[in-house]
N, C-alpha and C. Protein backbone atom coordinates (compact mmCIF):
# COMPACT_ATOMS: atom_id res chain seq x y z
N MET A 1 211.40 -176.79 -17.13
CA MET A 1 211.63 -175.62 -17.91
C MET A 1 212.33 -174.43 -17.15
N ASN A 2 213.42 -173.99 -17.62
CA ASN A 2 213.98 -173.07 -16.81
C ASN A 2 213.50 -171.56 -17.46
N TYR A 3 214.03 -170.51 -16.59
CA TYR A 3 213.43 -169.27 -16.95
C TYR A 3 213.60 -168.70 -18.38
N ARG A 4 214.71 -168.95 -19.01
CA ARG A 4 215.03 -168.61 -20.57
C ARG A 4 214.11 -169.37 -21.46
N GLU A 5 213.75 -170.48 -21.12
CA GLU A 5 212.78 -171.30 -22.09
C GLU A 5 211.50 -170.76 -22.08
N ILE A 6 211.10 -170.59 -20.81
CA ILE A 6 209.61 -170.03 -20.48
C ILE A 6 209.64 -168.57 -21.14
N LYS A 7 210.57 -167.78 -21.01
CA LYS A 7 210.47 -166.46 -21.60
C LYS A 7 210.52 -166.50 -23.16
N LYS A 8 211.16 -167.46 -23.81
CA LYS A 8 211.21 -167.71 -25.18
C LYS A 8 209.92 -168.02 -25.62
N ARG A 9 209.38 -169.05 -25.01
CA ARG A 9 208.01 -169.61 -25.47
C ARG A 9 207.02 -168.48 -25.27
N TYR A 10 206.99 -167.67 -24.11
CA TYR A 10 206.02 -166.56 -23.92
C TYR A 10 206.05 -165.50 -25.15
N SER A 11 207.22 -165.06 -25.45
CA SER A 11 207.38 -164.17 -26.53
C SER A 11 206.93 -164.71 -27.83
N ASP A 12 207.31 -166.04 -28.01
CA ASP A 12 206.75 -166.73 -29.23
C ASP A 12 205.12 -166.76 -29.29
N LEU A 13 204.54 -167.06 -28.27
CA LEU A 13 203.12 -167.03 -28.13
C LEU A 13 202.62 -165.54 -28.43
N ILE A 14 203.09 -164.67 -27.71
CA ILE A 14 202.62 -163.21 -28.08
C ILE A 14 202.66 -162.84 -29.52
N ASN A 15 203.86 -163.29 -30.18
CA ASN A 15 204.16 -162.88 -31.57
C ASN A 15 203.12 -163.57 -32.35
N ARG A 16 202.87 -164.83 -32.11
CA ARG A 16 201.83 -165.75 -32.86
C ARG A 16 200.44 -164.99 -32.68
N ALA A 17 200.07 -164.61 -31.47
CA ALA A 17 198.77 -164.03 -31.25
C ALA A 17 198.61 -162.60 -32.20
N GLU A 18 199.72 -161.92 -32.36
CA GLU A 18 199.63 -160.72 -33.15
C GLU A 18 199.12 -161.08 -34.52
N TYR A 19 199.64 -162.19 -35.25
CA TYR A 19 199.21 -162.44 -36.56
C TYR A 19 198.17 -163.55 -36.75
N ALA A 20 197.58 -163.97 -35.56
CA ALA A 20 196.40 -165.01 -35.75
C ALA A 20 195.38 -164.47 -36.56
N ASN A 21 194.54 -165.48 -37.07
CA ASN A 21 193.34 -165.03 -37.90
C ASN A 21 192.08 -164.75 -37.12
N GLY A 22 191.67 -165.73 -36.39
CA GLY A 22 190.49 -165.63 -35.61
C GLY A 22 190.46 -165.32 -34.25
N ARG A 23 189.52 -164.84 -33.71
CA ARG A 23 189.29 -164.41 -32.27
C ARG A 23 189.48 -165.68 -31.34
N LYS A 24 188.94 -166.88 -31.73
CA LYS A 24 189.30 -167.96 -30.81
C LYS A 24 190.68 -168.40 -30.72
N GLU A 25 191.49 -168.25 -32.03
CA GLU A 25 192.87 -168.52 -31.96
C GLU A 25 193.60 -167.56 -30.99
N VAL A 26 193.36 -166.12 -31.15
CA VAL A 26 193.95 -165.24 -30.38
C VAL A 26 193.67 -165.53 -28.94
N VAL A 27 192.48 -165.77 -28.51
CA VAL A 27 192.30 -165.94 -27.07
C VAL A 27 193.03 -167.23 -26.63
N GLY A 28 193.14 -168.25 -27.33
CA GLY A 28 193.81 -169.38 -27.00
C GLY A 28 195.10 -169.16 -26.64
N LEU A 29 195.90 -168.37 -27.59
CA LEU A 29 197.25 -168.24 -27.53
C LEU A 29 197.40 -167.29 -26.37
N LEU A 30 196.74 -166.30 -26.04
CA LEU A 30 196.86 -165.44 -24.89
C LEU A 30 196.78 -166.08 -23.62
N LYS A 31 195.80 -167.03 -23.58
CA LYS A 31 195.62 -167.84 -22.27
C LYS A 31 196.93 -168.67 -22.04
N LYS A 32 197.37 -169.16 -22.99
CA LYS A 32 198.71 -170.03 -22.91
C LYS A 32 199.75 -169.13 -22.44
N ALA A 33 199.81 -167.89 -22.99
CA ALA A 33 200.99 -167.07 -22.65
C ALA A 33 200.60 -166.34 -21.18
N ALA A 34 199.46 -166.31 -20.88
CA ALA A 34 199.14 -165.94 -19.39
C ALA A 34 199.63 -166.94 -18.35
N LYS A 35 199.41 -168.13 -18.76
CA LYS A 35 200.01 -169.25 -17.90
C LYS A 35 201.48 -169.34 -17.66
N LEU A 36 202.19 -169.06 -18.84
CA LEU A 36 203.49 -168.93 -18.75
C LEU A 36 203.96 -167.69 -18.10
N LYS A 37 203.31 -166.69 -18.21
CA LYS A 37 203.62 -165.45 -17.50
C LYS A 37 203.51 -165.58 -15.87
N SER A 38 202.63 -166.28 -15.41
CA SER A 38 202.45 -166.49 -14.02
C SER A 38 203.52 -167.52 -13.62
N LYS A 39 204.11 -168.44 -14.48
CA LYS A 39 205.26 -169.26 -14.11
C LYS A 39 206.47 -168.28 -13.89
N ILE A 40 206.36 -167.24 -14.79
CA ILE A 40 207.77 -166.34 -14.80
C ILE A 40 207.71 -165.62 -13.37
N GLU A 41 206.37 -165.06 -13.10
CA GLU A 41 206.39 -164.22 -11.86
C GLU A 41 206.46 -164.95 -10.60
N ILE A 42 206.29 -166.26 -10.55
CA ILE A 42 206.45 -167.05 -9.30
C ILE A 42 207.78 -167.25 -9.06
N ASN A 43 208.56 -167.49 -10.16
CA ASN A 43 209.98 -167.82 -9.92
C ASN A 43 210.67 -166.30 -9.89
């Protein structure tokens, strides 16, 4: 995955977390987003 794809997936996950229904769903999406954020910061 290149930088642009990671950035797009990250922003998509953050947007989905804003409109998620349950706490577990929000936490899961934010964890996935955090993993992608660390990939962005490494590169």
